Amino acid sequence: LNICFANPDPSITSTAEDFLAESEITNVDLLGLQSITTIGNSFIRECVSLKTISNITCLRNVKNIGWNFLAKCKALAVVDLTMFSNVECIDVHFLLGCSSLETIDLGAFNKVT
């Protein structure tokens, strides 16, 4: 199952809690989510078949990341978070239980307190 957000409302600045949580997705394309500044709790949580996240760079305006961000996405092996240079706050359980995760670049998180 593939999900794509091609033409979302630009006035939407945050994702809902449990956004795509526990779904059967294998790929999610975040194209079009440029206006998001806050990622709600449990963003794409427990999507055990998720292997790829396309256009994650569209989240470059994010300042706050809620708890359980991508938690327990057991098939996810690579995630590029270098676009998160504006992030100021990350809640608990960030990437918790991503047991296949091989590569992650956290260099952009220089504003996190």
PDB file of N, CA and C in Angstrom:
ATOM      1  N   LEU A   1       0.851  -1.176   0.000  1.00  0.00           N
ATOM      2  CA  LEU A   1       0.000   0.000   0.000  1.00  0.00           C
ATOM      3  C   LEU A   1       0.889   1.230   0.000  1.00  0.00           C
ATOM      4  N   ASN A   2       0.662   2.127  -0.946  1.00  0.00           N
ATOM      5  CA  ASN A   2       1.413   3.373  -1.053  1.00  0.00           C
ATOM      6  C   ASN A   2       0.478   4.549  -0.798  1.00  0.00           C
ATOM      7  N   ILE A   3       0.959   5.544  -0.064  1.00  0.00           N
ATOM      8  CA  ILE A   3       0.184   6.745   0.253  1.00  0.00           C
ATOM      9  C   ILE A   3       0.950   7.955  -0.273  1.00  0.00           C
ATOM     10  N   CYS A   4       0.225   8.909  -0.884  1.00  0.00           N
ATOM     11  CA  CYS A   4       0.845  10.135  -1.374  1.00  0.00           C
ATOM     12  C   CYS A   4      -0.037  11.329  -1.030  1.00  0.00           C
ATOM     13  N   PHE A   5       0.572  12.421  -0.594  1.00  0.00           N
ATOM     14  CA  PHE A   5      -0.138  13.649  -0.261  1.00  0.00           C
ATOM     15  C   PHE A   5       0.244  14.708  -1.284  1.00  0.00           C
ATOM     16  N   ALA A   6      -0.435  14.704  -2.418  1.00  0.00           N
ATOM     17  CA  ALA A   6      -0.040  15.550  -3.542  1.00  0.00           C
ATOM     18  C   ALA A   6      -0.525  16.989  -3.434  1.00  0.00           C
ATOM     19  N   ASN A   7      -1.752  17.227  -3.009  1.00  0.00           N
ATOM     20  CA  ASN A   7      -2.309  18.581  -3.001  1.00  0.00           C
ATOM     21  C   ASN A   7      -3.029  18.906  -1.696  1.00  0.00           C
ATOM     22  N   PRO A   8      -2.343  18.868  -0.565  1.00  0.00           N
ATOM     23  CA  PRO A   8      -3.016  19.177   0.694  1.00  0.00           C
ATOM     24  C   PRO A   8      -3.287  20.674   0.835  1.00  0.00           C
ATOM     25  N   ASP A   9      -4.144  21.016   1.757  1.00  0.00           N
ATOM     26  CA  ASP A   9      -4.484  22.405   2.040  1.00  0.00           C
ATOM     27  C   ASP A   9      -3.264  23.094   2.663  1.00  0.00           C
ATOM     28  N   PRO A  10      -2.745  24.167   2.078  1.00  0.00           N
ATOM     29  CA  PRO A  10      -1.550  24.828   2.614  1.00  0.00           C
ATOM     30  C   PRO A  10      -1.760  25.500   3.969  1.00  0.00           C
ATOM     31  N   SER A  11      -3.015  25.638   4.408  1.00  0.00           N
ATOM     32  CA  SER A  11      -3.265  26.228   5.724  1.00  0.00           C
ATOM     33  C   SER A  11      -3.088  25.209   6.851  1.00  0.00           C
ATOM     34  N   ILE A  12      -2.936  23.947   6.514  1.00  0.00           N
ATOM     35  CA  ILE A  12      -2.723  22.908   7.526  1.00  0.00           C
ATOM     36  C   ILE A  12      -1.258  22.946   7.949  1.00  0.00           C
ATOM     37  N   THR A  13      -1.034  23.198   9.242  1.00  0.00           N
ATOM     38  CA  THR A  13       0.335  23.331   9.734  1.00  0.00           C
ATOM     39  C   THR A  13       0.752  22.220  10.692  1.00  0.00           C
ATOM     40  N   SER A  14      -0.141  21.286  10.985  1.00  0.00           N
ATOM     41  CA  SER A  14       0.238  20.176  11.859  1.00  0.00           C
ATOM     42  C   SER A  14      -0.442  18.897  11.414  1.00  0.00           C
ATOM     43  N   THR A  15       0.198  17.779  11.730  1.00  0.00           N
ATOM     44  CA  THR A  15      -0.403  16.484  11.448  1.00  0.00           C
ATOM     45  C   THR A  15      -1.251  16.071  12.643  1.00  0.00           C
ATOM     46  N   ALA A  16      -2.253  15.284  12.384  1.00  0.00           N
ATOM     47  CA  ALA A  16      -3.113  14.783  13.454  1.00  0.00           C
ATOM     48  C   ALA A  16      -2.361  13.751  14.287  1.00  0.00           C
ATOM     49  N   GLU A  17      -2.821  13.551  15.509  1.00  0.00           N
ATOM     50  CA  GLU A  17      -2.271  12.461  16.309  1.00  0.00           C
ATOM     51  C   GLU A  17      -2.631  11.148  15.637  1.00  0.00           C
ATOM     52  N   ASP A  18      -1.747  10.181  15.743  1.00  0.00           N
ATOM     53  CA  ASP A  18      -1.918   8.860  15.122  1.00  0.00           C
ATOM     54  C   ASP A  18      -2.001   8.929  13.605  1.00  0.00           C
ATOM     55  N   PHE A  19      -1.322   9.897  12.998  1.00  0.00           N
ATOM     56  CA  PHE A  19      -1.291  10.062  11.548  1.00  0.00           C
ATOM     57  C   PHE A  19      -0.707   8.805  10.917  1.00  0.00           C
ATOM     58  N   LEU A  20      -1.514   8.061  10.202  1.00  0.00           N
ATOM     59  CA  LEU A  20      -1.166   6.798   9.551  1.00  0.00           C
ATOM     60  C   LEU A  20      -0.696   5.724  10.535  1.00  0.00           C
ATOM     61  N   ALA A  21      -0.970   5.863  11.799  1.00  0.00           N
ATOM     62  CA  ALA A  21      -0.514   4.891  12.792  1.00  0.00           C
ATOM     63  C   ALA A  21      -1.144   3.531  12.547  1.00  0.00           C
ATOM     64  N   GLU A  22      -0.323   2.510  12.707  1.00  0.00           N
ATOM     65  CA  GLU A  22      -0.726   1.107  12.606  1.00  0.00           C
ATOM     66  C   GLU A  22      -1.362   0.755  11.261  1.00  0.00           C
ATOM     67  N   SER A  23      -0.952   1.434  10.194  1.00  0.00           N
ATOM     68  CA  SER A  23      -1.485   1.127   8.873  1.00  0.00           C
ATOM     69  C   SER A  23      -0.585   0.124   8.158  1.00  0.00           C
ATOM     70  N   GLU A  24      -1.063  -0.411   7.072  1.00  0.00           N
ATOM     71  CA  GLU A  24      -0.351  -1.436   6.312  1.00  0.00           C
ATOM     72  C   GLU A  24       0.498  -0.846   5.185  1.00  0.00           C
ATOM     73  N   ILE A  25       0.902   0.404   5.286  1.00  0.00           N
ATOM     74  CA  ILE A  25       1.652   1.052   4.215  1.00  0.00           C
ATOM     75  C   ILE A  25       3.055   0.466   4.081  1.00  0.00           C
ATOM     76  N   THR A  26       3.547   0.452   2.857  1.00  0.00           N
ATOM     77  CA  THR A  26       4.928   0.055   2.588  1.00  0.00           C
ATOM     78  C   THR A  26       5.758   1.262   2.162  1.00  0.00           C
ATOM     79  N   ASN A  27       5.091   2.274   1.590  1.00  0.00           N
ATOM     80  CA  ASN A  27       5.752   3.511   1.189  1.00  0.00           C
ATOM     81  C   ASN A  27       4.812   4.678   1.439  1.00  0.00           C
ATOM     82  N   VAL A  28       5.358   5.769   1.935  1.00  0.00           N
ATOM     83  CA  VAL A  28       4.585   6.994   2.083  1.00  0.00           C
ATOM     84  C   VAL A  28       5.362   8.112   1.409  1.00  0.00           C
ATOM     85  N   ASP A  29       4.660   8.888   0.582  1.00  0.00           N
ATOM     86  CA  ASP A  29       5.257  10.016  -0.123  1.00  0.00           C
ATOM     87  C   ASP A  29       4.726  11.292   0.518  1.00  0.00           C
ATOM     88  N   LEU A  30       5.596  12.052   1.137  1.00  0.00           N
ATOM     89  CA  LEU A  30       5.200  13.242   1.887  1.00  0.00           C
ATOM     90  C   LEU A  30       5.213  14.513   1.041  1.00  0.00           C
ATOM     91  N   LEU A  31       5.298  14.361  -0.261  1.00  0.00           N
ATOM     92  CA  LEU A  31       5.245  15.494  -1.163  1.00  0.00           C
ATOM     93  C   LEU A  31       3.982  16.306  -0.892  1.00  0.00           C
ATOM     94  N   GLY A  32       4.132  17.585  -0.726  1.00  0.00           N
ATOM     95  CA  GLY A  32       2.984  18.443  -0.488  1.00  0.00           C
ATOM     96  C   GLY A  32       2.792  18.843   0.965  1.00  0.00           C
ATOM     97  N   LEU A  33       3.604  18.328   1.869  1.00  0.00           N
ATOM     98  CA  LEU A  33       3.438  18.673   3.293  1.00  0.00           C
ATOM     99  C   LEU A  33       4.393  19.785   3.733  1.00  0.00           C
ATOM    100  N   GLN A  34       4.728  20.690   2.816  1.00  0.00           N
ATOM    101  CA  GLN A  34       5.675  21.769   3.113  1.00  0.00           C
ATOM    102  C   GLN A  34       5.197  22.726   4.200  1.00  0.00           C
ATOM    103  N   SER A  35       3.899  22.853   4.409  1.00  0.00           N
ATOM    104  CA  SER A  35       3.381  23.810   5.391  1.00  0.00           C
ATOM    105  C   SER A  35       3.372  23.257   6.818  1.00  0.00           C
ATOM    106  N   ILE A  36       3.713  22.000   6.994  1.00  0.00           N
ATOM    107  CA  ILE A  36       3.690  21.381   8.329  1.00  0.00           C
ATOM    108  C   ILE A  36       4.824  21.935   9.193  1.00  0.00           C
ATOM    109  N   THR A  37       4.462  22.455  10.373  1.00  0.00           N
ATOM    110  CA  THR A  37       5.456  22.934  11.338  1.00  0.00           C
ATOM    111  C   THR A  37       5.459  22.086  12.611  1.00  0.00           C
ATOM    112  N   THR A  38       4.380  21.332  12.834  1.00  0.00           N
ATOM    113  CA  THR A  38       4.281  20.469  14.011  1.00  0.00           C
ATOM    114  C   THR A  38       3.841  19.074  13.589  1.00  0.00           C
ATOM    115  N   ILE A  39       4.630  18.082  13.973  1.00  0.00           N
ATOM    116  CA  ILE A  39       4.258  16.689  13.741  1.00  0.00           C
ATOM    117  C   ILE A  39       3.628  16.176  15.021  1.00  0.00           C
ATOM    118  N   GLY A  40       2.365  15.766  14.920  1.00  0.00           N
ATOM    119  CA  GLY A  40       1.630  15.295  16.094  1.00  0.00           C
ATOM    120  C   GLY A  40       2.155  13.975  16.637  1.00  0.00           C
ATOM    121  N   ASN A  41       1.678  13.616  17.811  1.00  0.00           N
ATOM    122  CA  ASN A  41       2.082  12.368  18.458  1.00  0.00           C
ATOM    123  C   ASN A  41       1.744  11.163  17.591  1.00  0.00           C
ATOM    124  N   SER A  42       2.596  10.166  17.637  1.00  0.00           N
ATOM    125  CA  SER A  42       2.421   8.886  16.945  1.00  0.00           C
ATOM    126  C   SER A  42       2.354   9.014  15.429  1.00  0.00           C
ATOM    127  N   PHE A  43       3.172   9.877  14.870  1.00  0.00           N
ATOM    128  CA  PHE A  43       3.274  10.066  13.425  1.00  0.00           C
ATOM    129  C   PHE A  43       3.843   8.799  12.795  1.00  0.00           C
ATOM    130  N   ILE A  44       3.056   8.160  11.960  1.00  0.00           N
ATOM    131  CA  ILE A  44       3.442   6.920  11.274  1.00  0.00           C
ATOM    132  C   ILE A  44       4.013   5.897  12.260  1.00  0.00           C
ATOM    133  N   ARG A  45       3.306   5.673  13.350  1.00  0.00           N
ATOM    134  CA  ARG A  45       3.730   4.742  14.409  1.00  0.00           C
ATOM    135  C   ARG A  45       3.265   3.324  14.091  1.00  0.00           C
ATOM    136  N   GLU A  46       4.118   2.363  14.378  1.00  0.00           N
ATOM    137  CA  GLU A  46       3.821   0.933  14.254  1.00  0.00           C
ATOM    138  C   GLU A  46       3.338   0.532  12.860  1.00  0.00           C
ATOM    139  N   CYS A  47       3.958   1.103  11.861  1.00  0.00           N
ATOM    140  CA  CYS A  47       3.717   0.689  10.469  1.00  0.00           C
ATOM    141  C   CYS A  47       4.809  -0.325  10.150  1.00  0.00           C
ATOM    142  N   VAL A  48       4.594  -1.553  10.561  1.00  0.00           N
ATOM    143  CA  VAL A  48       5.643  -2.575  10.540  1.00  0.00           C
ATOM    144  C   VAL A  48       6.100  -2.957   9.139  1.00  0.00           C
ATOM    145  N   SER A  49       5.328  -2.633   8.101  1.00  0.00           N
ATOM    146  CA  SER A  49       5.714  -2.949   6.724  1.00  0.00           C
ATOM    147  C   SER A  49       6.345  -1.764   5.994  1.00  0.00           C
ATOM    148  N   LEU A  50       6.397  -0.605   6.630  1.00  0.00           N
ATOM    149  CA  LEU A  50       6.942   0.594   5.988  1.00  0.00           C
ATOM    150  C   LEU A  50       8.422   0.418   5.700  1.00  0.00           C
ATOM    151  N   LYS A  51       8.775   0.547   4.417  1.00  0.00           N
ATOM    152  CA  LYS A  51      10.167   0.404   4.006  1.00  0.00           C
ATOM    153  C   LYS A  51      10.777   1.718   3.558  1.00  0.00           C
ATOM    154  N   THR A  52       9.966   2.587   2.941  1.00  0.00           N
ATOM    155  CA  THR A  52      10.512   3.841   2.421  1.00  0.00           C
ATOM    156  C   THR A  52       9.603   5.030   2.716  1.00  0.00           C
ATOM    157  N   ILE A  53      10.249   6.170   2.890  1.00  0.00           N
ATOM    158  CA  ILE A  53       9.545   7.437   3.030  1.00  0.00           C
ATOM    159  C   ILE A  53      10.100   8.342   1.939  1.00  0.00           C
ATOM    160  N   SER A  54       9.257   8.688   0.979  1.00  0.00           N
ATOM    161  CA  SER A  54       9.683   9.541  -0.126  1.00  0.00           C
ATOM    162  C   SER A  54       9.379  11.007   0.177  1.00  0.00           C
ATOM    163  N   ASN A  55      10.207  11.877  -0.330  1.00  0.00           N
ATOM    164  CA  ASN A  55      10.023  13.331  -0.201  1.00  0.00           C
ATOM    165  C   ASN A  55       9.890  13.787   1.251  1.00  0.00           C
ATOM    166  N   ILE A  56      10.630  13.152   2.141  1.00  0.00           N
ATOM    167  CA  ILE A  56      10.610  13.568   3.549  1.00  0.00           C
ATOM    168  C   ILE A  56      11.189  14.983   3.685  1.00  0.00           C
ATOM    169  N   THR A  57      11.949  15.428   2.704  1.00  0.00           N
ATOM    170  CA  THR A  57      12.505  16.787   2.742  1.00  0.00           C
ATOM    171  C   THR A  57      11.416  17.852   2.714  1.00  0.00           C
ATOM    172  N   CYS A  58      10.203  17.470   2.350  1.00  0.00           N
ATOM    173  CA  CYS A  58       9.086  18.422   2.377  1.00  0.00           C
ATOM    174  C   CYS A  58       8.756  18.855   3.809  1.00  0.00           C
ATOM    175  N   LEU A  59       9.267  18.154   4.796  1.00  0.00           N
ATOM    176  CA  LEU A  59       9.014  18.495   6.199  1.00  0.00           C
ATOM    177  C   LEU A  59      10.067  19.460   6.755  1.00  0.00           C
ATOM    178  N   ARG A  60      10.734  20.190   5.888  1.00  0.00           N
ATOM    179  CA  ARG A  60      11.832  21.068   6.315  1.00  0.00           C
ATOM    180  C   ARG A  60      11.401  22.223   7.217  1.00  0.00           C
ATOM    181  N   ASN A  61      10.107  22.529   7.300  1.00  0.00           N
ATOM    182  CA  ASN A  61       9.632  23.623   8.152  1.00  0.00           C
ATOM    183  C   ASN A  61       9.210  23.170   9.549  1.00  0.00           C
ATOM    184  N   VAL A  62       9.363  21.895   9.838  1.00  0.00           N
ATOM    185  CA  VAL A  62       8.955  21.345  11.137  1.00  0.00           C
ATOM    186  C   VAL A  62       9.803  21.923  12.262  1.00  0.00           C
ATOM    187  N   LYS A  63       9.115  22.355  13.339  1.00  0.00           N
ATOM    188  CA  LYS A  63       9.792  22.866  14.531  1.00  0.00           C
ATOM    189  C   LYS A  63       9.595  21.951  15.732  1.00  0.00           C
ATOM    190  N   ASN A  64       8.476  21.216  15.758  1.00  0.00           N
ATOM    191  CA  ASN A  64       8.157  20.348  16.894  1.00  0.00           C
ATOM    192  C   ASN A  64       7.764  18.956  16.415  1.00  0.00           C
ATOM    193  N   ILE A  65       8.320  17.941  17.078  1.00  0.00           N
ATOM    194  CA  ILE A  65       8.011  16.552  16.753  1.00  0.00           C
ATOM    195  C   ILE A  65       7.436  15.901  18.006  1.00  0.00           C
ATOM    196  N   GLY A  66       6.224  15.389  17.897  1.00  0.00           N
ATOM    197  CA  GLY A  66       5.555  14.743  19.030  1.00  0.00           C
ATOM    198  C   GLY A  66       6.141  13.366  19.347  1.00  0.00           C
ATOM    199  N   TRP A  67       5.627  12.749  20.409  1.00  0.00           N
ATOM    200  CA  TRP A  67       6.149  11.450  20.841  1.00  0.00           C
ATOM    201  C   TRP A  67       5.769  10.349  19.848  1.00  0.00           C
ATOM    202  N   ASN A  68       6.580   9.306  19.846  1.00  0.00           N
ATOM    203  CA  ASN A  68       6.419   8.125  18.990  1.00  0.00           C
ATOM    204  C   ASN A  68       6.598   8.412  17.502  1.00  0.00           C
ATOM    205  N   PHE A  69       7.437   9.348  17.141  1.00  0.00           N
ATOM    206  CA  PHE A  69       7.729   9.638  15.737  1.00  0.00           C
ATOM    207  C   PHE A  69       8.359   8.406  15.086  1.00  0.00           C
ATOM    208  N   LEU A  70       7.675   7.823  14.114  1.00  0.00           N
ATOM    209  CA  LEU A  70       8.113   6.632  13.384  1.00  0.00           C
ATOM    210  C   LEU A  70       8.435   5.452  14.301  1.00  0.00           C
ATOM    211  N   ALA A  71       7.903   5.428  15.496  1.00  0.00           N
ATOM    212  CA  ALA A  71       8.200   4.350  16.444  1.00  0.00           C
ATOM    213  C   ALA A  71       7.694   3.010  15.933  1.00  0.00           C
ATOM    214  N   LYS A  72       8.488   1.994  16.130  1.00  0.00           N
ATOM    215  CA  LYS A  72       8.171   0.594  15.809  1.00  0.00           C
ATOM    216  C   LYS A  72       7.881   0.355  14.331  1.00  0.00           C
ATOM    217  N   CYS A  73       8.530   1.129  13.477  1.00  0.00           N
ATOM    218  CA  CYS A  73       8.475   0.870  12.028  1.00  0.00           C
ATOM    219  C   CYS A  73       9.619  -0.095  11.739  1.00  0.00           C
ATOM    220  N   LYS A  74       9.377  -1.354  11.991  1.00  0.00           N
ATOM    221  CA  LYS A  74      10.424  -2.379  12.028  1.00  0.00           C
ATOM    222  C   LYS A  74      11.102  -2.664  10.698  1.00  0.00           C
ATOM    223  N   ALA A  75      10.469  -2.349   9.567  1.00  0.00           N
ATOM    224  CA  ALA A  75      11.070  -2.622   8.258  1.00  0.00           C
ATOM    225  C   ALA A  75      11.841  -1.424   7.702  1.00  0.00           C
ATOM    226  N   LEU A  76      11.755  -0.287   8.353  1.00  0.00           N
ATOM    227  CA  LEU A  76      12.421   0.927   7.880  1.00  0.00           C
ATOM    228  C   LEU A  76      13.924   0.824   8.129  1.00  0.00           C
ATOM    229  N   ALA A  77      14.709   0.848   7.051  1.00  0.00           N
ATOM    230  CA  ALA A  77      16.153   0.662   7.182  1.00  0.00           C
ATOM    231  C   ALA A  77      16.935   1.967   7.083  1.00  0.00           C
ATOM    232  N   VAL A  78      16.432   2.925   6.296  1.00  0.00           N
ATOM    233  CA  VAL A  78      17.151   4.182   6.077  1.00  0.00           C
ATOM    234  C   VAL A  78      16.167   5.330   6.202  1.00  0.00           C
ATOM    235  N   VAL A  79      16.549   6.364   6.927  1.00  0.00           N
ATOM    236  CA  VAL A  79      15.742   7.571   6.999  1.00  0.00           C
ATOM    237  C   VAL A  79      16.685   8.767   7.023  1.00  0.00           C
ATOM    238  N   ASP A  80      16.424   9.723   6.133  1.00  0.00           N
ATOM    239  CA  ASP A  80      17.249  10.919   6.019  1.00  0.00           C
ATOM    240  C   ASP A  80      16.524  12.071   6.707  1.00  0.00           C
ATOM    241  N   LEU A  81      17.059  12.533   7.806  1.00  0.00           N
ATOM    242  CA  LEU A  81      16.440  13.605   8.583  1.00  0.00           C
ATOM    243  C   LEU A  81      17.253  14.893   8.521  1.00  0.00           C
ATOM    244  N   THR A  82      18.104  15.017   7.525  1.00  0.00           N
ATOM    245  CA  THR A  82      18.982  16.183   7.432  1.00  0.00           C
ATOM    246  C   THR A  82      18.224  17.481   7.185  1.00  0.00           C
ATOM    247  N   MET A  83      16.971  17.401   6.767  1.00  0.00           N
ATOM    248  CA  MET A  83      16.193  18.614   6.504  1.00  0.00           C
ATOM    249  C   MET A  83      15.629  19.220   7.787  1.00  0.00           C
ATOM    250  N   PHE A  84      15.735  18.548   8.906  1.00  0.00           N
ATOM    251  CA  PHE A  84      15.135  19.015  10.158  1.00  0.00           C
ATOM    252  C   PHE A  84      15.991  20.063  10.873  1.00  0.00           C
ATOM    253  N   SER A  85      16.518  21.022  10.161  1.00  0.00           N
ATOM    254  CA  SER A  85      17.379  22.036  10.775  1.00  0.00           C
ATOM    255  C   SER A  85      16.603  23.057  11.602  1.00  0.00           C
ATOM    256  N   ASN A  86      15.274  23.099  11.470  1.00  0.00           N
ATOM    257  CA  ASN A  86      14.449  24.037  12.240  1.00  0.00           C
ATOM    258  C   ASN A  86      13.831  23.425  13.487  1.00  0.00           C
ATOM    259  N   VAL A  87      14.042  22.130  13.697  1.00  0.00           N
ATOM    260  CA  VAL A  87      13.438  21.436  14.841  1.00  0.00           C
ATOM    261  C   VAL A  87      14.014  21.972  16.141  1.00  0.00           C
ATOM    262  N   GLU A  88      13.099  22.333  17.058  1.00  0.00           N
ATOM    263  CA  GLU A  88      13.489  22.846  18.372  1.00  0.00           C
ATOM    264  C   GLU A  88      13.133  21.882  19.501  1.00  0.00           C
ATOM    265  N   CYS A  89      12.139  21.020  19.260  1.00  0.00           N
ATOM    266  CA  CYS A  89      11.677  20.129  20.325  1.00  0.00           C
ATOM    267  C   CYS A  89      11.332  18.750  19.754  1.00  0.00           C
ATOM    268  N   ILE A  90      11.870  17.707  20.370  1.00  0.00           N
ATOM    269  CA  ILE A  90      11.550  16.324  20.023  1.00  0.00           C
ATOM    270  C   ILE A  90      11.069  15.650  21.290  1.00  0.00           C
ATOM    271  N   ASP A  91       9.884  15.073  21.227  1.00  0.00           N
ATOM    272  CA  ASP A  91       9.333  14.389  22.400  1.00  0.00           C
ATOM    273  C   ASP A  91       9.900  12.967  22.483  1.00  0.00           C
ATOM    274  N   VAL A  92       9.468  12.196  23.450  1.00  0.00           N
ATOM    275  CA  VAL A  92      10.014  10.866  23.732  1.00  0.00           C
ATOM    276  C   VAL A  92       9.680   9.840  22.657  1.00  0.00           C
ATOM    277  N   HIS A  93      10.435   8.762  22.657  1.00  0.00           N
ATOM    278  CA  HIS A  93      10.252   7.587  21.802  1.00  0.00           C
ATOM    279  C   HIS A  93      10.455   7.883  20.318  1.00  0.00           C
ATOM    280  N   PHE A  94      11.348   8.797  20.032  1.00  0.00           N
ATOM    281  CA  PHE A  94      11.731   9.153  18.672  1.00  0.00           C
ATOM    282  C   PHE A  94      12.436   7.956  18.036  1.00  0.00           C
ATOM    283  N   LEU A  95      11.859   7.384  16.979  1.00  0.00           N
ATOM    284  CA  LEU A  95      12.382   6.217  16.271  1.00  0.00           C
ATOM    285  C   LEU A  95      12.535   4.981  17.159  1.00  0.00           C
ATOM    286  N   LEU A  96      11.789   4.904  18.227  1.00  0.00           N
ATOM    287  CA  LEU A  96      11.849   3.768  19.146  1.00  0.00           C
ATOM    288  C   LEU A  96      11.470   2.479  18.433  1.00  0.00           C
ATOM    289  N   GLY A  97      12.252   1.441  18.610  1.00  0.00           N
ATOM    290  CA  GLY A  97      11.922   0.119  18.094  1.00  0.00           C
ATOM    291  C   GLY A  97      12.048  -0.045  16.592  1.00  0.00           C
ATOM    292  N   CYS A  98      12.793   0.820  15.945  1.00  0.00           N
ATOM    293  CA  CYS A  98      13.040   0.677  14.493  1.00  0.00           C
ATOM    294  C   CYS A  98      14.228  -0.267  14.338  1.00  0.00           C
ATOM    295  N   SER A  99      13.970  -1.535  14.507  1.00  0.00           N
ATOM    296  CA  SER A  99      15.030  -2.530  14.618  1.00  0.00           C
ATOM    297  C   SER A  99      15.817  -2.771  13.337  1.00  0.00           C
ATOM    298  N   SER A 100      15.304  -2.388  12.175  1.00  0.00           N
ATOM    299  CA  SER A 100      16.038  -2.555  10.919  1.00  0.00           C
ATOM    300  C   SER A 100      16.806  -1.308  10.508  1.00  0.00           C
ATOM    301  N   LEU A 101      16.686  -0.261  11.290  1.00  0.00           N
ATOM    302  CA  LEU A 101      17.314   1.011  10.939  1.00  0.00           C
ATOM    303  C   LEU A 101      18.832   0.856  10.903  1.00  0.00           C
ATOM    304  N   GLU A 102      19.399   1.098   9.725  1.00  0.00           N
ATOM    305  CA  GLU A 102      20.842   0.959   9.517  1.00  0.00           C
ATOM    306  C   GLU A 102      21.536   2.302   9.388  1.00  0.00           C
ATOM    307  N   THR A 103      20.853   3.279   8.787  1.00  0.00           N
ATOM    308  CA  THR A 103      21.466   4.568   8.513  1.00  0.00           C
ATOM    309  C   THR A 103      20.533   5.688   8.922  1.00  0.00           C
ATOM    310  N   ILE A 104      21.068   6.635   9.689  1.00  0.00           N
ATOM    311  CA  ILE A 104      20.320   7.829  10.063  1.00  0.00           C
ATOM    312  C   ILE A 104      21.311   8.966  10.257  1.00  0.00           C
ATOM    313  N   ASP A 105      20.966  10.128   9.743  1.00  0.00           N
ATOM    314  CA  ASP A 105      21.812  11.309   9.883  1.00  0.00           C
ATOM    315  C   ASP A 105      21.050  12.321  10.728  1.00  0.00           C
ATOM    316  N   LEU A 106      21.537  12.589  11.936  1.00  0.00           N
ATOM    317  CA  LEU A 106      20.890  13.519  12.863  1.00  0.00           C
ATOM    318  C   LEU A 106      21.617  14.848  12.943  1.00  0.00           C
ATOM    319  N   GLY A 107      22.508  15.107  12.009  1.00  0.00           N
ATOM    320  CA  GLY A 107      23.331  16.319  12.030  1.00  0.00           C
ATOM    321  C   GLY A 107      22.568  17.621  12.022  1.00  0.00           C
ATOM    322  N   ALA A 108      21.342  17.607  11.535  1.00  0.00           N
ATOM    323  CA  ALA A 108      20.561  18.835  11.420  1.00  0.00           C
ATOM    324  C   ALA A 108      19.953  19.287  12.741  1.00  0.00           C
ATOM    325  N   PHE A 109      19.958  18.451  13.752  1.00  0.00           N
ATOM    326  CA  PHE A 109      19.283  18.762  15.005  1.00  0.00           C
ATOM    327  C   PHE A 109      20.154  19.643  15.915  1.00  0.00           C
ATOM    328  N   ASN A 110      20.549  20.788  15.426  1.00  0.00           N
ATOM    329  CA  ASN A 110      21.407  21.673  16.213  1.00  0.00           C
ATOM    330  C   ASN A 110      20.647  22.686  17.049  1.00  0.00           C
ATOM    331  N   LYS A 111      19.316  22.766  16.897  1.00  0.00           N
ATOM    332  CA  LYS A 111      18.501  23.724  17.670  1.00  0.00           C
ATOM    333  C   LYS A 111      17.708  23.044  18.775  1.00  0.00           C
ATOM    334  N   VAL A 112      17.784  21.734  18.869  1.00  0.00           N
ATOM    335  CA  VAL A 112      16.965  20.989  19.830  1.00  0.00           C
ATOM    336  C   VAL A 112      17.433  21.282  21.241  1.00  0.00           C
ATOM    337  N   THR A 113      16.450  21.564  22.108  1.00  0.00           N
ATOM    338  CA  THR A 113      16.777  21.830  23.512  1.00  0.00           C
ATOM    339  C   THR A 113      16.176  20.770  24.407  1.00  0.00           C
TER     340      THR A 113
END
